[in-house]
Amino acid sequence: MTTNPRLLFPDLPPELRNEIYNYLSVLDNSSSPTNTSLPFQPKTYECKHTTVQICPVQIGPNGLLALRKYGFQEAFEYQSWLLKNKSELKIAVTFKGRVNTFVQADWDKKMEMHLRKLAKQYPWMKKVAKYDIHILWRATDGPLKSRKNRRTSGQIPKDMAETLTGLMEEHIKQTRGEVNVRLCLGHALAVENIMSSTKLGLSNFLCTPSSGHEVRRMVKEVWKGPPLIIKRSVPGVPLAGLREVGGVLQIEKGLVKWVSGGEEILVMKKTMVQGNALEMTIGEVQQENGLGVDYVLQELVEECLGRQ
């Protein structure tokens, strides 16, 4: 015996119902990203050099989605519409290995295998048009080049982002594709980069995407963590561990947000449309309270511009 679906809008055709779903999402565009209504649990992949977190989110009201348990057809339609039109993939990558021994091709192969499995289980992931990727750079060997000097550190996050967005279908890339990639550097690494003759190669990270990886709109950002301020501890009580920079995902009661290790500072932001550079924003290198130029930040800006 089959049960007829319950309808909220029995007289509205599908086209008008889709307009309602779109209006709901635009109206609630300021709400926090959640994953409570998505048929996908966050995934974490541990590799020798990296930890990768993948979490899909949707931005929109959950009230209509809650009606699924009562069998309302519009609730299921709205979920399907969200997956295709308003879902987003948040991906956090922590690079914790050595640049000198990291092999990009091996990492790409492993991640592509994981992504194919996800796409087979959740076909709607190929329709996701928006990616928000944060890469936390904690290489243990500093601003070194890879073996035989084939690539700089900055090329690695660039190539990682291109691999991680490989699921996106070609027509989605060209019409709706939107990718934001943020590279997060700790202050200590930024200082070490100044002292080293081998630079991070930030201009390589900020360059235009490789052929075949262009999307409608891409934003690349470089951020630096705040300096560590070590205060004197009480005798016999150790100092608490301090994190220099954020870049990992926190999921609590369905709400998804980026963890911040302090007030990160923008170094440079570059916007590209269809693979062509459109706009560039440079962070403020003057310190507050008249303390003059932040030379660490200035050096990073120069490197982003390819002048180092």
C-alpha atoms as a PDB file:
ATOM      1  CA  MET A   1       0.000   0.000   0.000  1.00  0.00           C
ATOM      2  CA  THR A   2       1.492   3.333  -1.028  1.00  0.00           C
ATOM      3  CA  THR A   3       0.985   6.630   0.748  1.00  0.00           C
ATOM      4  CA  ASN A   4       0.340   9.749  -1.275  1.00  0.00           C
ATOM      5  CA  PRO A   5       2.911  12.482  -0.577  1.00  0.00           C
ATOM      6  CA  ARG A   6       1.761  15.445   1.431  1.00  0.00           C
ATOM      7  CA  LEU A   7       1.925  18.796  -0.333  1.00  0.00           C
ATOM      8  CA  LEU A   8       2.400  22.304   1.015  1.00  0.00           C
ATOM      9  CA  PHE A   9       1.760  23.952  -2.351  1.00  0.00           C
ATOM     10  CA  PRO A  10      -0.518  21.546  -4.240  1.00  0.00           C
ATOM     11  CA  ASP A  11      -1.465  24.102  -6.888  1.00  0.00           C
ATOM     12  CA  LEU A  12       2.040  25.353  -7.736  1.00  0.00           C
ATOM     13  CA  PRO A  13       3.968  23.893 -10.694  1.00  0.00           C
ATOM     14  CA  PRO A  14       7.604  22.743 -10.115  1.00  0.00           C
ATOM     15  CA  GLU A  15       9.003  25.900 -11.724  1.00  0.00           C
ATOM     16  CA  LEU A  16       7.319  28.160  -9.175  1.00  0.00           C
ATOM     17  CA  ARG A  17       8.299  25.884  -6.293  1.00  0.00           C
ATOM     18  CA  ASN A  18      11.925  26.231  -7.418  1.00  0.00           C
ATOM     19  CA  GLU A  19      11.502  30.006  -7.309  1.00  0.00           C
ATOM     20  CA  ILE A  20      10.355  29.693  -3.700  1.00  0.00           C
ATOM     21  CA  TYR A  21      13.397  27.554  -2.824  1.00  0.00           C
ATOM     22  CA  ASN A  22      15.690  30.096  -4.434  1.00  0.00           C
ATOM     23  CA  TYR A  23      14.016  32.947  -2.549  1.00  0.00           C
ATOM     24  CA  LEU A  24      14.405  31.135   0.766  1.00  0.00           C
ATOM     25  CA  SER A  25      18.130  30.694   0.196  1.00  0.00           C
ATOM     26  CA  VAL A  26      18.718  34.285  -0.883  1.00  0.00           C
ATOM     27  CA  LEU A  27      16.640  35.608   1.996  1.00  0.00           C
ATOM     28  CA  ASP A  28      18.662  33.646   4.563  1.00  0.00           C
ATOM     29  CA  ASN A  29      22.051  34.162   2.935  1.00  0.00           C
ATOM     30  CA  SER A  30      23.530  35.542   6.171  1.00  0.00           C
ATOM     31  CA  SER A  31      22.911  32.363   8.158  1.00  0.00           C
ATOM     32  CA  SER A  32      25.763  30.145   9.305  1.00  0.00           C
ATOM     33  CA  PRO A  33      26.870  27.142   7.222  1.00  0.00           C
ATOM     34  CA  THR A  34      25.489  23.846   8.517  1.00  0.00           C
ATOM     35  CA  ASN A  35      25.708  20.195   7.554  1.00  0.00           C
ATOM     36  CA  THR A  36      22.781  18.856   9.555  1.00  0.00           C
ATOM     37  CA  SER A  37      20.518  18.301   6.545  1.00  0.00           C
ATOM     38  CA  LEU A  38      23.080  16.900   4.119  1.00  0.00           C
ATOM     39  CA  PRO A  39      23.387  13.158   3.429  1.00  0.00           C
ATOM     40  CA  PHE A  40      27.127  13.254   4.035  1.00  0.00           C
ATOM     41  CA  GLN A  41      29.257  13.068   7.154  1.00  0.00           C
ATOM     42  CA  PRO A  42      32.566  14.983   7.264  1.00  0.00           C
ATOM     43  CA  LYS A  43      35.549  12.964   6.114  1.00  0.00           C
ATOM     44  CA  THR A  44      39.145  13.125   7.343  1.00  0.00           C
ATOM     45  CA  TYR A  45      42.007  11.628   5.356  1.00  0.00           C
ATOM     46  CA  GLU A  46      45.410  11.157   6.967  1.00  0.00           C
ATOM     47  CA  CYS A  47      48.441  10.914   4.710  1.00  0.00           C
ATOM     48  CA  LYS A  48      52.157  10.944   5.422  1.00  0.00           C
ATOM     49  CA  HIS A  49      52.463  14.672   4.768  1.00  0.00           C
ATOM     50  CA  THR A  50      48.916  15.998   5.170  1.00  0.00           C
ATOM     51  CA  THR A  51      45.623  15.852   7.004  1.00  0.00           C
ATOM     52  CA  VAL A  52      42.628  16.634   4.777  1.00  0.00           C
ATOM     53  CA  GLN A  53      39.123  17.418   6.078  1.00  0.00           C
ATOM     54  CA  ILE A  54      36.199  17.520   3.655  1.00  0.00           C
ATOM     55  CA  CYS A  55      32.833  18.818   4.805  1.00  0.00           C
ATOM     56  CA  PRO A  56      29.880  19.831   2.613  1.00  0.00           C
ATOM     57  CA  VAL A  57      27.677  22.600   3.954  1.00  0.00           C
ATOM     58  CA  GLN A  58      24.480  24.345   2.954  1.00  0.00           C
ATOM     59  CA  ILE A  59      23.376  27.866   3.719  1.00  0.00           C
ATOM     60  CA  GLY A  60      19.663  28.304   4.076  1.00  0.00           C
ATOM     61  CA  PRO A  61      16.761  27.849   6.502  1.00  0.00           C
ATOM     62  CA  ASN A  62      16.313  24.406   8.004  1.00  0.00           C
ATOM     63  CA  GLY A  63      12.628  24.830   8.794  1.00  0.00           C
ATOM     64  CA  LEU A  64      11.376  23.499   5.480  1.00  0.00           C
ATOM     65  CA  LEU A  65      13.900  20.652   5.593  1.00  0.00           C
ATOM     66  CA  ALA A  66      12.540  19.588   8.980  1.00  0.00           C
ATOM     67  CA  LEU A  67       9.233  18.708   7.312  1.00  0.00           C
ATOM     68  CA  ARG A  68      10.806  15.683   5.619  1.00  0.00           C
ATOM     69  CA  LYS A  69       9.952  13.524   8.613  1.00  0.00           C
ATOM     70  CA  TYR A  70       6.289  14.360   8.024  1.00  0.00           C
ATOM     71  CA  GLY A  71       6.438  13.279   4.395  1.00  0.00           C
ATOM     72  CA  PHE A  72       6.027  16.658   2.691  1.00  0.00           C
ATOM     73  CA  GLN A  73       7.169  16.477  -0.917  1.00  0.00           C
ATOM     74  CA  GLU A  74       8.431  20.069  -0.942  1.00  0.00           C
ATOM     75  CA  ALA A  75      10.859  19.298   1.883  1.00  0.00           C
ATOM     76  CA  PHE A  76      12.540  16.598  -0.208  1.00  0.00           C
ATOM     77  CA  GLU A  77      12.489  18.806  -3.286  1.00  0.00           C
ATOM     78  CA  TYR A  78      14.119  21.607  -1.334  1.00  0.00           C
ATOM     79  CA  GLN A  79      16.890  19.307  -0.120  1.00  0.00           C
ATOM     80  CA  SER A  80      17.551  18.172  -3.684  1.00  0.00           C
ATOM     81  CA  TRP A  81      17.544  21.790  -4.874  1.00  0.00           C
ATOM     82  CA  LEU A  82      20.016  22.798  -2.147  1.00  0.00           C
ATOM     83  CA  LEU A  83      22.414  19.998  -3.070  1.00  0.00           C
ATOM     84  CA  LYS A  84      22.489  21.126  -6.686  1.00  0.00           C
ATOM     85  CA  ASN A  85      22.421  24.891  -6.213  1.00  0.00           C
ATOM     86  CA  LYS A  86      23.427  26.066  -2.733  1.00  0.00           C
ATOM     87  CA  SER A  87      25.783  23.458  -1.327  1.00  0.00           C
ATOM     88  CA  GLU A  88      29.461  24.164  -0.783  1.00  0.00           C
ATOM     89  CA  LEU A  89      32.502  22.049  -0.036  1.00  0.00           C
ATOM     90  CA  LYS A  90      34.748  23.246   2.751  1.00  0.00           C
ATOM     91  CA  ILE A  91      38.150  21.569   2.635  1.00  0.00           C
ATOM     92  CA  ALA A  92      40.918  22.001   5.205  1.00  0.00           C
ATOM     93  CA  VAL A  93      44.436  20.817   4.424  1.00  0.00           C
ATOM     94  CA  THR A  94      47.204  20.785   7.014  1.00  0.00           C
ATOM     95  CA  PHE A  95      50.620  20.268   5.436  1.00  0.00           C
ATOM     96  CA  LYS A  96      52.733  18.805   8.243  1.00  0.00           C
ATOM     97  CA  GLY A  97      55.408  16.938   6.300  1.00  0.00           C
ATOM     98  CA  ARG A  98      58.627  17.742   4.493  1.00  0.00           C
ATOM     99  CA  VAL A  99      58.724  19.614   1.208  1.00  0.00           C
ATOM    100  CA  ASN A 100      61.937  17.826   0.260  1.00  0.00           C
ATOM    101  CA  THR A 101      60.305  14.379   0.352  1.00  0.00           C
ATOM    102  CA  PHE A 102      56.771  15.288  -0.739  1.00  0.00           C
ATOM    103  CA  VAL A 103      55.765  13.780  -4.096  1.00  0.00           C
ATOM    104  CA  GLN A 104      52.844  15.665  -5.618  1.00  0.00           C
ATOM    105  CA  ALA A 105      51.910  12.899  -8.068  1.00  0.00           C
ATOM    106  CA  ASP A 106      51.549  10.349  -5.252  1.00  0.00           C
ATOM    107  CA  TRP A 107      49.404  12.711  -3.179  1.00  0.00           C
ATOM    108  CA  ASP A 108      47.233  13.539  -6.198  1.00  0.00           C
ATOM    109  CA  LYS A 109      46.685   9.854  -6.892  1.00  0.00           C
ATOM    110  CA  LYS A 110      45.548   9.136  -3.322  1.00  0.00           C
ATOM    111  CA  MET A 111      43.220  12.127  -3.135  1.00  0.00           C
ATOM    112  CA  GLU A 112      41.712  11.442  -6.559  1.00  0.00           C
ATOM    113  CA  MET A 113      40.925   7.910  -5.385  1.00  0.00           C
ATOM    114  CA  HIS A 114      39.183   9.236  -2.254  1.00  0.00           C
ATOM    115  CA  LEU A 115      37.242  11.806  -4.288  1.00  0.00           C
ATOM    116  CA  ARG A 116      36.086   9.214  -6.834  1.00  0.00           C
ATOM    117  CA  LYS A 117      34.734   7.056  -4.018  1.00  0.00           C
ATOM    118  CA  LEU A 118      32.849  10.027  -2.585  1.00  0.00           C
ATOM    119  CA  ALA A 119      31.415  10.925  -5.984  1.00  0.00           C
ATOM    120  CA  LYS A 120      30.267   7.345  -6.507  1.00  0.00           C
ATOM    121  CA  GLN A 121      28.489   7.371  -3.158  1.00  0.00           C
ATOM    122  CA  TYR A 122      27.200  10.950  -3.474  1.00  0.00           C
ATOM    123  CA  PRO A 123      26.756  11.815  -7.194  1.00  0.00           C
ATOM    124  CA  TRP A 124      25.484  15.314  -6.338  1.00  0.00           C
ATOM    125  CA  MET A 125      29.032  16.258  -5.280  1.00  0.00           C
ATOM    126  CA  LYS A 126      29.940  16.658  -8.963  1.00  0.00           C
ATOM    127  CA  LYS A 127      27.344  19.440  -9.140  1.00  0.00           C
ATOM    128  CA  VAL A 128      28.821  21.451  -6.257  1.00  0.00           C
ATOM    129  CA  ALA A 129      29.997  24.743  -7.727  1.00  0.00           C
ATOM    130  CA  LYS A 130      31.521  26.430  -4.679  1.00  0.00           C
ATOM    131  CA  TYR A 131      34.690  25.341  -2.879  1.00  0.00           C
ATOM    132  CA  ASP A 132      36.268  26.993   0.152  1.00  0.00           C
ATOM    133  CA  ILE A 133      39.768  25.587   0.732  1.00  0.00           C
ATOM    134  CA  HIS A 134      42.097  26.536   3.586  1.00  0.00           C
ATOM    135  CA  ILE A 135      45.661  25.217   3.530  1.00  0.00           C
ATOM    136  CA  LEU A 136      47.571  25.467   6.795  1.00  0.00           C
ATOM    137  CA  TRP A 137      51.292  25.360   6.026  1.00  0.00           C
ATOM    138  CA  ARG A 138      53.341  23.649   8.735  1.00  0.00           C
ATOM    139  CA  ALA A 139      56.166  22.128   6.718  1.00  0.00           C
ATOM    140  CA  THR A 140      58.823  20.779   9.063  1.00  0.00           C
ATOM    141  CA  ASP A 141      61.718  21.725   6.790  1.00  0.00           C
ATOM    142  CA  GLY A 142      60.777  25.373   6.244  1.00  0.00           C
ATOM    143  CA  PRO A 143      60.858  27.244   2.919  1.00  0.00           C
ATOM    144  CA  LEU A 144      62.714  24.577   0.967  1.00  0.00           C
ATOM    145  CA  LYS A 145      62.395  23.389  -2.582  1.00  0.00           C
ATOM    146  CA  SER A 146      61.463  19.819  -3.394  1.00  0.00           C
ATOM    147  CA  ARG A 147      64.000  17.207  -4.347  1.00  0.00           C
ATOM    148  CA  LYS A 148      66.232  18.292  -7.251  1.00  0.00           C
ATOM    149  CA  ASN A 149      64.720  21.820  -6.964  1.00  0.00           C
ATOM    150  CA  ARG A 150      61.821  20.892  -9.232  1.00  0.00           C
ATOM    151  CA  ARG A 151      59.241  22.946  -7.370  1.00  0.00           C
ATOM    152  CA  THR A 152      58.972  25.563  -4.641  1.00  0.00           C
ATOM    153  CA  SER A 153      56.793  25.279  -1.565  1.00  0.00           C
ATOM    154  CA  GLY A 154      54.251  27.647  -3.122  1.00  0.00           C
ATOM    155  CA  GLN A 155      53.563  25.320  -6.033  1.00  0.00           C
ATOM    156  CA  ILE A 156      52.375  22.568  -3.707  1.00  0.00           C
ATOM    157  CA  PRO A 157      49.204  24.294  -2.359  1.00  0.00           C
ATOM    158  CA  LYS A 158      48.424  25.513  -5.888  1.00  0.00           C
ATOM    159  CA  ASP A 159      48.506  21.958  -7.240  1.00  0.00           C
ATOM    160  CA  MET A 160      46.650  20.605  -4.207  1.00  0.00           C
ATOM    161  CA  ALA A 161      43.754  22.993  -4.785  1.00  0.00           C
ATOM    162  CA  GLU A 162      43.528  21.973  -8.436  1.00  0.00           C
ATOM    163  CA  THR A 163      43.404  18.299  -7.457  1.00  0.00           C
ATOM    164  CA  LEU A 164      40.777  18.873  -4.757  1.00  0.00           C
ATOM    165  CA  THR A 165      38.451  20.653  -7.193  1.00  0.00           C
ATOM    166  CA  GLY A 166      38.775  17.913  -9.804  1.00  0.00           C
ATOM    167  CA  LEU A 167      35.284  16.555  -9.083  1.00  0.00           C
ATOM    168  CA  MET A 168      33.577  19.645 -10.468  1.00  0.00           C
ATOM    169  CA  GLU A 169      31.991  18.985 -13.850  1.00  0.00           C
ATOM    170  CA  GLU A 170      33.349  21.040 -16.735  1.00  0.00           C
ATOM    171  CA  HIS A 171      30.158  22.949 -17.516  1.00  0.00           C
ATOM    172  CA  ILE A 172      29.755  23.758 -13.808  1.00  0.00           C
ATOM    173  CA  LYS A 173      33.300  25.161 -13.745  1.00  0.00           C
ATOM    174  CA  GLN A 174      32.631  27.491 -16.635  1.00  0.00           C
ATOM    175  CA  THR A 175      29.150  28.695 -15.669  1.00  0.00           C
ATOM    176  CA  ARG A 176      29.009  28.682 -11.855  1.00  0.00           C
ATOM    177  CA  GLY A 177      32.387  27.515 -10.565  1.00  0.00           C
ATOM    178  CA  GLU A 178      33.640  29.544  -7.592  1.00  0.00           C
ATOM    179  CA  VAL A 179      36.803  28.528  -5.729  1.00  0.00           C
ATOM    180  CA  ASN A 180      38.417  30.302  -2.788  1.00  0.00           C
ATOM    181  CA  VAL A 181      41.865  29.094  -1.704  1.00  0.00           C
ATOM    182  CA  ARG A 182      43.494  30.517   1.414  1.00  0.00           C
ATOM    183  CA  LEU A 183      47.117  29.725   2.281  1.00  0.00           C
ATOM    184  CA  CYS A 184      47.811  30.252   5.992  1.00  0.00           C
ATOM    185  CA  LEU A 185      51.405  30.804   7.141  1.00  0.00           C
ATOM    186  CA  GLY A 186      52.611  30.950  10.723  1.00  0.00           C
ATOM    187  CA  HIS A 187      54.592  33.988  11.847  1.00  0.00           C
ATOM    188  CA  ALA A 188      57.651  31.887  12.708  1.00  0.00           C
ATOM    189  CA  LEU A 189      57.730  30.427   9.198  1.00  0.00           C
ATOM    190  CA  ALA A 190      57.405  33.912   7.706  1.00  0.00           C
ATOM    191  CA  VAL A 191      60.430  35.080   9.710  1.00  0.00           C
ATOM    192  CA  GLU A 192      62.383  31.980   8.705  1.00  0.00           C
ATOM    193  CA  ASN A 193      61.506  32.700   5.082  1.00  0.00           C
ATOM    194  CA  ILE A 194      63.169  36.120   5.321  1.00  0.00           C
ATOM    195  CA  MET A 195      66.373  34.592   6.666  1.00  0.00           C
ATOM    196  CA  SER A 196      66.489  31.808   4.075  1.00  0.00           C
ATOM    197  CA  SER A 197      68.082  32.128   0.643  1.00  0.00           C
ATOM    198  CA  THR A 198      65.386  29.766  -0.670  1.00  0.00           C
ATOM    199  CA  LYS A 199      61.964  31.410  -0.607  1.00  0.00           C
ATOM    200  CA  LEU A 200      58.505  29.897  -0.257  1.00  0.00           C
ATOM    201  CA  GLY A 201      57.561  30.806  -3.812  1.00  0.00           C
ATOM    202  CA  LEU A 202      54.292  32.553  -2.979  1.00  0.00           C
ATOM    203  CA  SER A 203      54.049  34.000  -6.487  1.00  0.00           C
ATOM    204  CA  ASN A 204      53.801  30.416  -7.762  1.00  0.00           C
ATOM    205  CA  PHE A 205      50.814  29.825  -5.499  1.00  0.00           C
ATOM    206  CA  LEU A 206      49.114  33.037  -6.641  1.00  0.00           C
ATOM    207  CA  CYS A 207      49.627  32.478 -10.358  1.00  0.00           C
ATOM    208  CA  THR A 208      46.734  31.695 -12.697  1.00  0.00           C
ATOM    209  CA  PRO A 209      45.434  28.108 -12.667  1.00  0.00           C
ATOM    210  CA  SER A 210      46.844  25.438 -14.923  1.00  0.00           C
ATOM    211  CA  SER A 211      45.112  24.685 -18.213  1.00  0.00           C
ATOM    212  CA  GLY A 212      41.921  22.720 -17.639  1.00  0.00           C
ATOM    213  CA  HIS A 213      41.507  23.959 -14.054  1.00  0.00           C
ATOM    214  CA  GLU A 214      40.020  27.388 -14.805  1.00  0.00           C
ATOM    215  CA  VAL A 215      36.717  28.218 -13.120  1.00  0.00           C
ATOM    216  CA  ARG A 216      34.315  31.111 -13.533  1.00  0.00           C
ATOM    217  CA  ARG A 217      35.742  32.855 -10.473  1.00  0.00           C
ATOM    218  CA  MET A 218      38.747  31.995  -8.317  1.00  0.00           C
ATOM    219  CA  VAL A 219      40.117  33.880  -5.327  1.00  0.00           C
ATOM    220  CA  LYS A 220      43.542  33.095  -3.892  1.00  0.00           C
ATOM    221  CA  GLU A 221      44.669  34.549  -0.579  1.00  0.00           C
ATOM    222  CA  VAL A 222      47.856  34.475   1.495  1.00  0.00           C
ATOM    223  CA  TRP A 223      47.474  35.136   5.229  1.00  0.00           C
ATOM    224  CA  LYS A 224      50.064  35.354   7.996  1.00  0.00           C
ATOM    225  CA  GLY A 225      49.457  34.425  11.598  1.00  0.00           C
ATOM    226  CA  PRO A 226      50.048  36.923  14.417  1.00  0.00           C
ATOM    227  CA  PRO A 227      53.371  36.992  16.272  1.00  0.00           C
ATOM    228  CA  LEU A 228      53.474  34.883  19.397  1.00  0.00           C
ATOM    229  CA  ILE A 229      53.397  36.938  22.566  1.00  0.00           C
ATOM    230  CA  ILE A 230      54.957  34.887  25.342  1.00  0.00           C
ATOM    231  CA  LYS A 231      54.019  36.084  28.813  1.00  0.00           C
ATOM    232  CA  ARG A 232      55.824  35.087  31.970  1.00  0.00           C
ATOM    233  CA  SER A 233      54.218  32.086  33.582  1.00  0.00           C
ATOM    234  CA  VAL A 234      53.538  31.451  37.226  1.00  0.00           C
ATOM    235  CA  PRO A 235      56.457  29.499  38.765  1.00  0.00           C
ATOM    236  CA  GLY A 236      55.835  25.801  38.434  1.00  0.00           C
ATOM    237  CA  VAL A 237      53.027  26.251  35.898  1.00  0.00           C
ATOM    238  CA  PRO A 238      53.983  25.636  32.234  1.00  0.00           C
ATOM    239  CA  LEU A 239      52.923  28.025  29.505  1.00  0.00           C
ATOM    240  CA  ALA A 240      49.839  26.936  27.600  1.00  0.00           C
ATOM    241  CA  GLY A 241      50.415  25.770  24.064  1.00  0.00           C
ATOM    242  CA  LEU A 242      49.762  28.523  21.521  1.00  0.00           C
ATOM    243  CA  ARG A 243      48.594  28.070  17.967  1.00  0.00           C
ATOM    244  CA  GLU A 244      50.085  30.525  15.497  1.00  0.00           C
ATOM    245  CA  VAL A 245      47.482  30.343  12.768  1.00  0.00           C
ATOM    246  CA  GLY A 246      44.114  28.752  12.097  1.00  0.00           C
ATOM    247  CA  GLY A 247      43.025  26.758   9.086  1.00  0.00           C
ATOM    248  CA  VAL A 248      41.149  23.707  10.329  1.00  0.00           C
ATOM    249  CA  LEU A 249      37.431  23.022  10.450  1.00  0.00           C
ATOM    250  CA  GLN A 250      35.356  22.878  13.591  1.00  0.00           C
ATOM    251  CA  ILE A 251      31.979  21.165  13.485  1.00  0.00           C
ATOM    252  CA  GLU A 252      29.731  21.547  16.504  1.00  0.00           C
ATOM    253  CA  LYS A 253      26.016  20.752  16.631  1.00  0.00           C
ATOM    254  CA  GLY A 254      25.830  20.951  12.859  1.00  0.00           C
ATOM    255  CA  LEU A 255      27.457  24.401  12.615  1.00  0.00           C
ATOM    256  CA  VAL A 256      30.632  24.480  10.530  1.00  0.00           C
ATOM    257  CA  LYS A 257      33.288  27.162  10.949  1.00  0.00           C
ATOM    258  CA  TRP A 258      36.989  27.763  10.528  1.00  0.00           C
ATOM    259  CA  VAL A 259      39.168  27.665  13.629  1.00  0.00           C
ATOM    260  CA  SER A 260      41.212  30.819  14.092  1.00  0.00           C
ATOM    261  CA  GLY A 261      44.487  30.894  15.994  1.00  0.00           C
ATOM    262  CA  GLY A 262      44.370  34.660  16.438  1.00  0.00           C
ATOM    263  CA  GLU A 263      44.066  37.755  14.297  1.00  0.00           C
ATOM    264  CA  GLU A 264      45.505  36.619  10.986  1.00  0.00           C
ATOM    265  CA  ILE A 265      46.837  39.322   8.685  1.00  0.00           C
ATOM    266  CA  LEU A 266      46.084  39.500   4.975  1.00  0.00           C
ATOM    267  CA  VAL A 267      49.229  39.499   2.842  1.00  0.00           C
ATOM    268  CA  MET A 268      47.668  39.419  -0.614  1.00  0.00           C
ATOM    269  CA  LYS A 269      44.401  38.546  -2.314  1.00  0.00           C
ATOM    270  CA  LYS A 270      44.110  37.853  -6.020  1.00  0.00           C
ATOM    271  CA  THR A 271      40.856  37.437  -7.936  1.00  0.00           C
ATOM    272  CA  MET A 272      40.733  35.648 -11.285  1.00  0.00           C
ATOM    273  CA  VAL A 273      37.838  35.257 -13.713  1.00  0.00           C
ATOM    274  CA  GLN A 274      37.929  32.459 -16.291  1.00  0.00           C
ATOM    275  CA  GLY A 275      41.622  31.990 -15.508  1.00  0.00           C
ATOM    276  CA  ASN A 276      42.578  35.641 -16.067  1.00  0.00           C
ATOM    277  CA  ALA A 277      43.736  37.972 -13.281  1.00  0.00           C
ATOM    278  CA  LEU A 278      41.099  40.604 -12.537  1.00  0.00           C
ATOM    279  CA  GLU A 279      41.895  42.241  -9.211  1.00  0.00           C
ATOM    280  CA  MET A 280      44.644  42.255  -6.598  1.00  0.00           C
ATOM    281  CA  THR A 281      44.497  43.461  -2.990  1.00  0.00           C
ATOM    282  CA  ILE A 282      47.659  44.001  -0.955  1.00  0.00           C
ATOM    283  CA  GLY A 283      47.568  43.873   2.835  1.00  0.00           C
ATOM    284  CA  GLU A 284      48.518  46.833   4.991  1.00  0.00           C
ATOM    285  CA  VAL A 285      52.243  46.690   5.846  1.00  0.00           C
ATOM    286  CA  GLN A 286      52.176  49.680   8.206  1.00  0.00           C
ATOM    287  CA  GLN A 287      51.877  48.661  11.836  1.00  0.00           C
ATOM    288  CA  GLU A 288      49.359  50.237  14.176  1.00  0.00           C
ATOM    289  CA  ASN A 289      50.220  52.925  16.724  1.00  0.00           C
ATOM    290  CA  GLY A 290      52.883  54.451  14.494  1.00  0.00           C
ATOM    291  CA  LEU A 291      55.321  51.558  14.881  1.00  0.00           C
ATOM    292  CA  GLY A 292      56.421  51.783  11.263  1.00  0.00           C
ATOM    293  CA  VAL A 293      56.639  49.112   8.588  1.00  0.00           C
ATOM    294  CA  ASP A 294      56.083  45.447   9.399  1.00  0.00           C
ATOM    295  CA  TYR A 295      59.138  44.147   7.571  1.00  0.00           C
ATOM    296  CA  VAL A 296      58.066  40.504   7.784  1.00  0.00           C
ATOM    297  CA  LEU A 297      54.789  41.355   6.080  1.00  0.00           C
ATOM    298  CA  GLN A 298      56.528  43.599   3.564  1.00  0.00           C
ATOM    299  CA  GLU A 299      58.896  40.788   2.555  1.00  0.00           C
ATOM    300  CA  LEU A 300      55.944  38.439   2.045  1.00  0.00           C
ATOM    301  CA  VAL A 301      54.209  41.015  -0.149  1.00  0.00           C
ATOM    302  CA  GLU A 302      57.356  41.407  -2.249  1.00  0.00           C
ATOM    303  CA  GLU A 303      57.536  37.648  -2.663  1.00  0.00           C
ATOM    304  CA  CYS A 304      53.871  37.447  -3.667  1.00  0.00           C
ATOM    305  CA  LEU A 305      54.641  39.995  -6.378  1.00  0.00           C
ATOM    306  CA  GLY A 306      57.535  37.856  -7.623  1.00  0.00           C
ATOM    307  CA  ARG A 307      60.208  40.390  -6.679  1.00  0.00           C
ATOM    308  CA  GLN A 308      62.197  37.997  -4.496  1.00  0.00           C
END
